[in-house]
C-alpha atoms as a PDB file:
ATOM      1  CA  MET A   1      -5.893  29.654  -8.256  1.00  0.00           C
ATOM      2  CA  LEU A   2      -4.531  27.654  -5.127  1.00  0.00           C
ATOM      3  CA  THR A   3      -0.902  27.334  -4.368  1.00  0.00           C
ATOM      4  CA  LEU A   4       1.225  24.409  -3.771  1.00  0.00           C
ATOM      5  CA  GLU A   5       1.304  24.889  -0.147  1.00  0.00           C
ATOM      6  CA  GLN A   6      -2.669  25.491   0.112  1.00  0.00           C
ATOM      7  CA  VAL A   7      -2.966  21.670  -1.745  1.00  0.00           C
ATOM      8  CA  ALA A   8       0.015  19.941  -0.251  1.00  0.00           C
ATOM      9  CA  ASN A   9      -1.587  21.348   3.592  1.00  0.00           C
ATOM     10  CA  LYS A  10      -4.571  19.243   2.639  1.00  0.00           C
ATOM     11  CA  SER A  11      -2.504  16.154   3.132  1.00  0.00           C
ATOM     12  CA  LEU A  12      -0.462  16.736   5.906  1.00  0.00           C
ATOM     13  CA  LYS A  13      -2.047  14.581   8.344  1.00  0.00           C
ATOM     14  CA  LYS A  14      -2.212  11.500   6.312  1.00  0.00           C
ATOM     15  CA  LEU A  15       1.161  11.520   5.477  1.00  0.00           C
ATOM     16  CA  SER A  16       2.190  11.101   9.239  1.00  0.00           C
ATOM     17  CA  GLY A  17       3.287   7.437   9.864  1.00  0.00           C
ATOM     18  CA  LEU A  18       4.095   6.257   6.342  1.00  0.00           C
ATOM     19  CA  HIS A  19       6.991   4.835   5.838  1.00  0.00           C
ATOM     20  CA  ASP A  20       9.705   7.571   4.871  1.00  0.00           C
ATOM     21  CA  VAL A  21       9.624   6.315   1.421  1.00  0.00           C
ATOM     22  CA  LEU A  22       6.184   6.640   0.797  1.00  0.00           C
ATOM     23  CA  SER A  23       5.996  10.055   2.568  1.00  0.00           C
ATOM     24  CA  VAL A  24       8.899  11.726   0.077  1.00  0.00           C
ATOM     25  CA  ALA A  25       7.106   9.673  -2.570  1.00  0.00           C
ATOM     26  CA  ALA A  26       3.347  10.993  -1.641  1.00  0.00           C
ATOM     27  CA  LYS A  27       4.685  14.946  -1.304  1.00  0.00           C
ATOM     28  CA  ALA A  28       6.644  14.319  -5.027  1.00  0.00           C
ATOM     29  CA  LEU A  29       3.328  13.304  -6.433  1.00  0.00           C
ATOM     30  CA  ILE A  30       1.055  16.191  -5.135  1.00  0.00           C
ATOM     31  CA  GLU A  31       4.053  18.459  -6.034  1.00  0.00           C
ATOM     32  CA  ASN A  32       4.462  17.107  -9.689  1.00  0.00           C
ATOM     33  CA  CYS A  33       0.682  16.992 -10.419  1.00  0.00           C
ATOM     34  CA  TYR A  34      -0.032  20.251  -9.335  1.00  0.00           C
ATOM     35  CA  LYS A  35       2.829  21.474 -11.957  1.00  0.00           C
ATOM     36  CA  LYS A  36       0.566  19.570 -14.357  1.00  0.00           C
ATOM     37  CA  GLY A  37      -2.314  21.921 -13.106  1.00  0.00           C
ATOM     38  CA  ILE A  38      -3.967  18.991 -11.093  1.00  0.00           C
ATOM     39  CA  TYR A  39      -4.882  18.971  -7.253  1.00  0.00           C
ATOM     40  CA  ILE A  40      -5.156  15.910  -5.472  1.00  0.00           C
ATOM     41  CA  GLN A  41      -5.794  15.143  -1.934  1.00  0.00           C
ATOM     42  CA  ILE A  42      -4.092  12.040   0.078  1.00  0.00           C
ATOM     43  CA  THR A  43      -7.310  10.670   1.873  1.00  0.00           C
ATOM     44  CA  GLN A  44      -5.687   7.950   3.695  1.00  0.00           C
ATOM     45  CA  GLY A  45      -2.093   6.774   4.343  1.00  0.00           C
ATOM     46  CA  LEU A  46      -1.524   4.746   7.624  1.00  0.00           C
ATOM     47  CA  ARG A  47      -4.479   3.023   8.738  1.00  0.00           C
ATOM     48  CA  SER A  48      -4.285   1.086  12.112  1.00  0.00           C
ATOM     49  CA  ILE A  49      -5.329  -2.969  12.463  1.00  0.00           C
ATOM     50  CA  ASP A  50      -8.326  -2.084  14.584  1.00  0.00           C
ATOM     51  CA  GLU A  51      -9.246   0.683  11.574  1.00  0.00           C
ATOM     52  CA  GLN A  52      -8.569  -2.048   8.948  1.00  0.00           C
ATOM     53  CA  ASN A  53     -11.078  -4.263  10.815  1.00  0.00           C
ATOM     54  CA  ASP A  54     -13.648  -1.807  10.871  1.00  0.00           C
ATOM     55  CA  LEU A  55     -13.332  -1.209   7.299  1.00  0.00           C
ATOM     56  CA  TYR A  56     -13.444  -4.717   6.723  1.00  0.00           C
ATOM     57  CA  ALA A  57     -16.484  -5.164   8.245  1.00  0.00           C
ATOM     58  CA  GLN A  58     -18.797  -2.718   6.344  1.00  0.00           C
ATOM     59  CA  GLY A  59     -20.596  -4.493   3.708  1.00  0.00           C
ATOM     60  CA  ARG A  60     -20.381  -7.583   6.265  1.00  0.00           C
ATOM     61  CA  THR A  61     -21.343  -7.176   9.268  1.00  0.00           C
ATOM     62  CA  LYS A  62     -22.118  -2.905   8.851  1.00  0.00           C
ATOM     63  CA  GLN A  63     -24.049  -1.097   6.888  1.00  0.00           C
ATOM     64  CA  GLY A  64     -22.565   0.091   3.644  1.00  0.00           C
ATOM     65  CA  SER A  65     -20.322  -1.138   0.465  1.00  0.00           C
ATOM     66  CA  ILE A  66     -17.880  -3.432   0.515  1.00  0.00           C
ATOM     67  CA  VAL A  67     -14.243  -1.330  -0.373  1.00  0.00           C
ATOM     68  CA  THR A  68     -11.892  -3.770   0.813  1.00  0.00           C
ATOM     69  CA  ASN A  69     -11.522  -7.507   1.130  1.00  0.00           C
ATOM     70  CA  ALA A  70      -7.983  -7.137   3.146  1.00  0.00           C
ATOM     71  CA  LYS A  71      -8.654  -7.786   7.207  1.00  0.00           C
ATOM     72  CA  GLY A  72      -6.307  -6.120   9.599  1.00  0.00           C
ATOM     73  CA  GLY A  73      -2.802  -6.886   9.140  1.00  0.00           C
ATOM     74  CA  TYR A  74      -3.647  -7.980   5.387  1.00  0.00           C
ATOM     75  CA  SER A  75      -3.491  -4.327   3.780  1.00  0.00           C
ATOM     76  CA  TYR A  76      -0.357  -2.468   3.087  1.00  0.00           C
ATOM     77  CA  HIS A  77      -2.183   0.706   4.877  1.00  0.00           C
ATOM     78  CA  ASN A  78      -1.370  -1.179   8.145  1.00  0.00           C
ATOM     79  CA  PHE A  79       2.222  -1.091   7.736  1.00  0.00           C
ATOM     80  CA  GLY A  80       2.331   2.630   6.317  1.00  0.00           C
ATOM     81  CA  LEU A  81       3.018   1.417   2.606  1.00  0.00           C
ATOM     82  CA  ALA A  82       0.185   2.696   0.881  1.00  0.00           C
ATOM     83  CA  ILE A  83      -1.692   5.920  -0.042  1.00  0.00           C
ATOM     84  CA  ASP A  84      -5.477   6.941  -1.425  1.00  0.00           C
ATOM     85  CA  PHE A  85      -5.853   9.984  -3.134  1.00  0.00           C
ATOM     86  CA  VAL A  86      -8.610  12.271  -4.449  1.00  0.00           C
ATOM     87  CA  LEU A  87      -8.996  14.814  -6.728  1.00  0.00           C
ATOM     88  CA  LEU A  88      -9.279  18.114  -5.255  1.00  0.00           C
ATOM     89  CA  LEU A  89     -12.002  20.536  -6.914  1.00  0.00           C
ATOM     90  CA  PRO A  90     -10.520  23.982  -8.636  1.00  0.00           C
ATOM     91  CA  ASP A  91     -12.339  25.587  -5.050  1.00  0.00           C
ATOM     92  CA  GLY A  92     -10.075  23.756  -2.779  1.00  0.00           C
ATOM     93  CA  LYS A  93     -13.064  22.784  -0.694  1.00  0.00           C
ATOM     94  CA  ASN A  94     -14.722  20.016  -2.294  1.00  0.00           C
ATOM     95  CA  VAL A  95     -13.362  16.749  -3.821  1.00  0.00           C
ATOM     96  CA  THR A  96     -14.161  14.243  -6.786  1.00  0.00           C
ATOM     97  CA  TRP A  97     -13.805  10.638  -7.733  1.00  0.00           C
ATOM     98  CA  ASP A  98     -14.699  11.079 -11.214  1.00  0.00           C
ATOM     99  CA  MET A  99     -12.323   9.499 -13.125  1.00  0.00           C
ATOM    100  CA  ASN A 100     -13.177  11.669 -16.436  1.00  0.00           C
ATOM    101  CA  THR A 101     -12.342  15.123 -15.468  1.00  0.00           C
ATOM    102  CA  ASP A 102     -10.340  17.173 -17.185  1.00  0.00           C
ATOM    103  CA  TYR A 103      -9.925  20.448 -15.504  1.00  0.00           C
ATOM    104  CA  ASN A 104      -6.213  21.144 -16.624  1.00  0.00           C
ATOM    105  CA  SER A 105      -7.884  21.204 -20.053  1.00  0.00           C
ATOM    106  CA  ASN A 106      -5.113  19.383 -21.779  1.00  0.00           C
ATOM    107  CA  ASN A 107      -7.439  16.764 -23.622  1.00  0.00           C
ATOM    108  CA  MET A 108      -6.534  14.126 -21.036  1.00  0.00           C
ATOM    109  CA  LYS A 109      -7.949  12.570 -17.927  1.00  0.00           C
ATOM    110  CA  ASP A 110      -6.801  14.056 -14.437  1.00  0.00           C
ATOM    111  CA  TRP A 111      -7.104  10.726 -12.836  1.00  0.00           C
ATOM    112  CA  ILE A 112      -5.023   8.809 -15.142  1.00  0.00           C
ATOM    113  CA  GLU A 113      -2.508  11.634 -15.387  1.00  0.00           C
ATOM    114  CA  VAL A 114      -2.202  11.367 -11.564  1.00  0.00           C
ATOM    115  CA  VAL A 115      -1.557   7.691 -12.324  1.00  0.00           C
ATOM    116  CA  ASP A 116       0.935   8.163 -14.861  1.00  0.00           C
ATOM    117  CA  GLU A 117       2.942  10.271 -12.465  1.00  0.00           C
ATOM    118  CA  ALA A 118       2.500   7.691  -9.734  1.00  0.00           C
ATOM    119  CA  LYS A 119       3.971   4.986 -11.625  1.00  0.00           C
ATOM    120  CA  ARG A 120       6.895   7.166 -12.835  1.00  0.00           C
ATOM    121  CA  LEU A 121       7.463   7.918  -8.860  1.00  0.00           C
ATOM    122  CA  GLY A 122       7.260   3.667  -8.419  1.00  0.00           C
ATOM    123  CA  PHE A 123       4.148   3.562  -6.977  1.00  0.00           C
ATOM    124  CA  GLU A 124       1.957   0.148  -7.987  1.00  0.00           C
ATOM    125  CA  TRP A 125      -1.602   0.977  -8.792  1.00  0.00           C
ATOM    126  CA  GLY A 126      -4.524  -0.610  -7.563  1.00  0.00           C
ATOM    127  CA  GLY A 127      -6.454   0.102 -10.626  1.00  0.00           C
ATOM    128  CA  ASP A 128      -4.362  -2.578 -12.540  1.00  0.00           C
ATOM    129  CA  TRP A 129      -5.303  -4.804 -10.160  1.00  0.00           C
ATOM    130  CA  THR A 130      -7.321  -7.898 -11.581  1.00  0.00           C
ATOM    131  CA  SER A 131      -9.436  -9.484  -8.832  1.00  0.00           C
ATOM    132  CA  PHE A 132     -10.340  -6.002  -7.082  1.00  0.00           C
ATOM    133  CA  LYS A 133      -9.536  -3.096  -8.340  1.00  0.00           C
ATOM    134  CA  ASP A 134      -8.880  -0.251  -5.713  1.00  0.00           C
ATOM    135  CA  TYR A 135      -8.663   2.994  -8.045  1.00  0.00           C
ATOM    136  CA  PRO A 136      -7.503   5.390  -5.519  1.00  0.00           C
ATOM    137  CA  HIS A 137      -5.047   3.259  -4.399  1.00  0.00           C
ATOM    138  CA  PHE A 138      -1.115   3.386  -4.690  1.00  0.00           C
ATOM    139  CA  GLN A 139       1.546   1.622  -2.706  1.00  0.00           C
ATOM    140  CA  MET A 140       4.967   0.696  -2.698  1.00  0.00           C
ATOM    141  CA  VAL A 141       5.745  -3.026  -1.106  1.00  0.00           C
ATOM    142  CA  PHE A 142       9.830  -3.593  -2.205  1.00  0.00           C
ATOM    143  CA  GLY A 143       8.936  -6.969  -2.497  1.00  0.00           C
ATOM    144  CA  LEU A 144       7.705  -8.008   0.937  1.00  0.00           C
ATOM    145  CA  SER A 145       4.168  -9.534   1.337  1.00  0.00           C
ATOM    146  CA  THR A 146       1.873  -8.903   4.277  1.00  0.00           C
ATOM    147  CA  ALA A 147       2.860 -11.620   5.693  1.00  0.00           C
ATOM    148  CA  ASP A 148       6.440 -10.570   5.660  1.00  0.00           C
ATOM    149  CA  LEU A 149       5.643  -7.413   7.329  1.00  0.00           C
ATOM    150  CA  ARG A 150       3.208  -9.425   9.499  1.00  0.00           C
ATOM    151  CA  ASN A 151       6.518 -11.113  10.610  1.00  0.00           C
ATOM    152  CA  GLY A 152       8.527  -8.124  10.869  1.00  0.00           C
ATOM    153  CA  LYS A 153      10.518  -8.030   7.785  1.00  0.00           C
ATOM    154  CA  LYS A 154      11.844  -4.663   6.903  1.00  0.00           C
ATOM    155  CA  PRO A 155      12.495  -3.031   3.101  1.00  0.00           C
ATOM    156  CA  ALA A 156      15.918  -4.047   1.990  1.00  0.00           C
ATOM    157  CA  GLN A 157      18.373  -0.525   2.107  1.00  0.00           C
ATOM    158  CA  LYS A 158      19.148  -1.143  -1.698  1.00  0.00           C
ATOM    159  CA  LEU A 159      15.428  -1.259  -2.557  1.00  0.00           C
ATOM    160  CA  ILE A 160      14.729   2.127  -0.327  1.00  0.00           C
ATOM    161  CA  ASP A 161      17.729   3.669  -2.409  1.00  0.00           C
ATOM    162  CA  ALA A 162      16.419   2.564  -5.501  1.00  0.00           C
ATOM    163  CA  ALA A 163      13.317   4.299  -5.027  1.00  0.00           C
ATOM    164  CA  LEU A 164      14.513   6.974  -3.752  1.00  0.00           C
ATOM    165  CA  ALA A 165      16.708   7.657  -6.924  1.00  0.00           C
ATOM    166  CA  GLN A 166      13.427   7.005  -8.904  1.00  0.00           C
ATOM    167  CA  ILE A 167      11.453   9.569  -7.262  1.00  0.00           C
ATOM    168  CA  ASN A 168      14.259  12.274  -7.304  1.00  0.00           C
ATOM    169  CA  LYS A 169      14.537  11.480 -10.726  1.00  0.00           C
ATOM    170  CA  CYS A 170      10.820  12.517 -11.190  1.00  0.00           C
ATOM    171  CA  ILE A 171      11.137  15.520  -9.186  1.00  0.00           C
ATOM    172  CA  GLN A 172      12.960  16.861 -11.850  1.00  0.00           C
ATOM    173  CA  ALA A 173      11.725  15.819 -15.022  1.00  0.00           C
ATOM    174  CA  VAL A 174       8.473  17.516 -14.385  1.00  0.00           C
ATOM    175  CA  PRO A 175       8.126  20.940 -15.908  1.00  0.00           C
ATOM    176  CA  ALA A 176       6.673  23.695 -13.725  1.00  0.00           C
ATOM    177  CA  LEU A 177       3.276  24.604 -14.228  1.00  0.00           C
ATOM    178  CA  VAL A 178       2.533  27.049 -17.037  1.00  0.00           C
ATOM    179  CA  LYS A 179       0.545  30.393 -15.992  1.00  0.00           C
ATOM    180  CA  ASP A 180      -3.054  30.449 -16.975  1.00  0.00           C
ATOM    181  CA  GLU A 181      -2.274  33.662 -18.620  1.00  0.00           C
ATOM    182  CA  ASP A 182       0.294  32.846 -21.220  1.00  0.00           C
ATOM    183  CA  GLN A 183      -1.978  30.255 -23.234  1.00  0.00           C
ATOM    184  CA  SER A 184       0.687  30.425 -26.163  1.00  0.00           C
ATOM    185  CA  ILE A 185       2.274  27.400 -23.820  1.00  0.00           C
ATOM    186  CA  ARG A 186       0.819  24.256 -23.548  1.00  0.00           C
ATOM    187  CA  PRO A 187       2.023  20.458 -22.408  1.00  0.00           C
ATOM    188  CA  VAL A 188       3.186  18.031 -24.846  1.00  0.00           C
ATOM    189  CA  LYS A 189       4.357  14.705 -24.628  1.00  0.00           C
ATOM    190  CA  ILE A 190       8.105  13.978 -25.799  1.00  0.00           C
ATOM    191  CA  ILE A 191       8.732  10.121 -27.239  1.00  0.00           C
ATOM    192  CA  LEU A 192      12.402   9.065 -27.013  1.00  0.00           C
ATOM    193  CA  THR A 193      13.360   7.640 -30.024  1.00  0.00           C
ATOM    194  CA  LYS A 194      15.662   5.458 -28.117  1.00  0.00           C
ATOM    195  CA  ASP A 195      13.359   3.309 -26.409  1.00  0.00           C
ATOM    196  CA  ASN A 196      10.114   4.838 -27.306  1.00  0.00           C
ATOM    197  CA  SER A 197       9.389   5.904 -23.884  1.00  0.00           C
ATOM    198  CA  VAL A 198       7.163   8.964 -23.251  1.00  0.00           C
ATOM    199  CA  ARG A 199       8.571  11.868 -21.350  1.00  0.00           C
ATOM    200  CA  ASP A 200       6.635  15.720 -20.819  1.00  0.00           C
ATOM    201  CA  GLY A 201       7.795  18.625 -21.816  1.00  0.00           C
ATOM    202  CA  LEU A 202       6.187  21.935 -23.050  1.00  0.00           C
ATOM    203  CA  LEU A 203       5.667  23.906 -26.523  1.00  0.00           C
ATOM    204  CA  LYS A 204       5.494  27.402 -26.732  1.00  0.00           C
ATOM    205  CA  ASP A 205       5.469  29.282 -30.674  1.00  0.00           C
ATOM    206  CA  ASN A 206       5.954  25.849 -32.252  1.00  0.00           C
ATOM    207  CA  THR A 207       9.483  25.694 -30.102  1.00  0.00           C
ATOM    208  CA  ASN A 208       9.928  22.585 -27.787  1.00  0.00           C
ATOM    209  CA  PHE A 209      11.215  23.098 -24.337  1.00  0.00           C
ATOM    210  CA  VAL A 210      12.071  19.703 -22.737  1.00  0.00           C
ATOM    211  CA  PRO A 211      13.602  18.694 -19.207  1.00  0.00           C
ATOM    212  CA  ILE A 212      17.250  18.305 -18.879  1.00  0.00           C
ATOM    213  CA  SER A 213      16.568  14.563 -17.866  1.00  0.00           C
ATOM    214  CA  VAL A 214      15.024  14.041 -21.268  1.00  0.00           C
ATOM    215  CA  LEU A 215      18.208  15.199 -23.014  1.00  0.00           C
ATOM    216  CA  LYS A 216      20.179  13.044 -20.742  1.00  0.00           C
ATOM    217  CA  ASP A 217      17.661  10.133 -21.795  1.00  0.00           C
ATOM    218  CA  LEU A 218      18.334  11.009 -25.411  1.00  0.00           C
ATOM    219  CA  GLY A 219      22.449  10.588 -24.950  1.00  0.00           C
ATOM    220  CA  HIS A 220      23.179  14.444 -24.362  1.00  0.00           C
ATOM    221  CA  LYS A 221      25.870  15.499 -22.303  1.00  0.00           C
ATOM    222  CA  VAL A 222      24.632  18.343 -19.922  1.00  0.00           C
ATOM    223  CA  THR A 223      26.874  20.531 -17.958  1.00  0.00           C
ATOM    224  CA  TRP A 224      26.395  23.325 -15.774  1.00  0.00           C
ATOM    225  CA  ASP A 225      28.896  26.587 -15.547  1.00  0.00           C
ATOM    226  CA  ASN A 226      28.145  28.295 -12.671  1.00  0.00           C
ATOM    227  CA  THR A 227      30.312  31.033 -13.192  1.00  0.00           C
ATOM    228  CA  ASN A 228      29.132  31.712 -16.555  1.00  0.00           C
ATOM    229  CA  LYS A 229      25.605  30.887 -15.501  1.00  0.00           C
ATOM    230  CA  LYS A 230      25.323  28.950 -18.971  1.00  0.00           C
ATOM    231  CA  LEU A 231      24.195  25.270 -19.659  1.00  0.00           C
ATOM    232  CA  TYR A 232      26.094  23.551 -21.872  1.00  0.00           C
ATOM    233  CA  ILE A 233      25.038  20.498 -23.738  1.00  0.00           C
ATOM    234  CA  SER A 234      26.654  18.267 -26.491  1.00  0.00           C
END
C-alpha cells in the first residue's frame, strides 16, 4: 500500500505556480481521496501561453486529437486556476483515465468519487460542461472570466477567504482511511435529514461513526475538554 507522502509526491511539480487557494485545494483533494482509498495524480496545473497554443494546435495544425478549444490566454490553466488529474493505479507507477474503475471496492466509481470530493472542496468540474466536456479538469475561477484575467483582474479577497474556509471544512470532514485488514469497517453515506445532503461516514459492527462536522450540521453542539480529554455532544 502506498503512503500518502508517496502519492502526494507524484503531483508536487504540477502544483508549482498555482494560485495559493488552488494549491491548497489540490493537496486537500489528494489527501481526501487517499483517505477513501483512491490514489490520484495531478497531471497539469499552470500552463504557459506557449504551451497552451501548442496544445491548441494538436488536431488542427499538428498531429493528434483535439483536446482543447482554448488558445493561449483563454484557459484557466494559463492563470494557475485549474488542474487536471488522473487515477494512479495501486502499483504507484501506472495511471488510468478509465472512469469505471472501483479499486477501493465500495461499489462506487473511483473517478466519480474524486469528482464529488473536488466539488465539495469548491472545484468546478469540466465533465459538467455542455459544449466540450473535459473529464479530468477541475477549476476555481472566483467569478472571473479569462478576459478578466487577461486584463489583470485578481480574485476578490472575500472569495479567497470563503474558498479556504470551505476547503478547511472538507479536510476536517473526511474520515481516516480504513485499514485493509479490518474488513468489518466500511465507508457509508450519511443522509442529513435537515437538508437531505450527503456526508461520508463509517460503519463498524452496525454502529455508525460520523465526522464531527456531520453532528454540527445536524444541530448538535460539540465541545472538547482538553483537560479531561473528552468530547461532549449536546
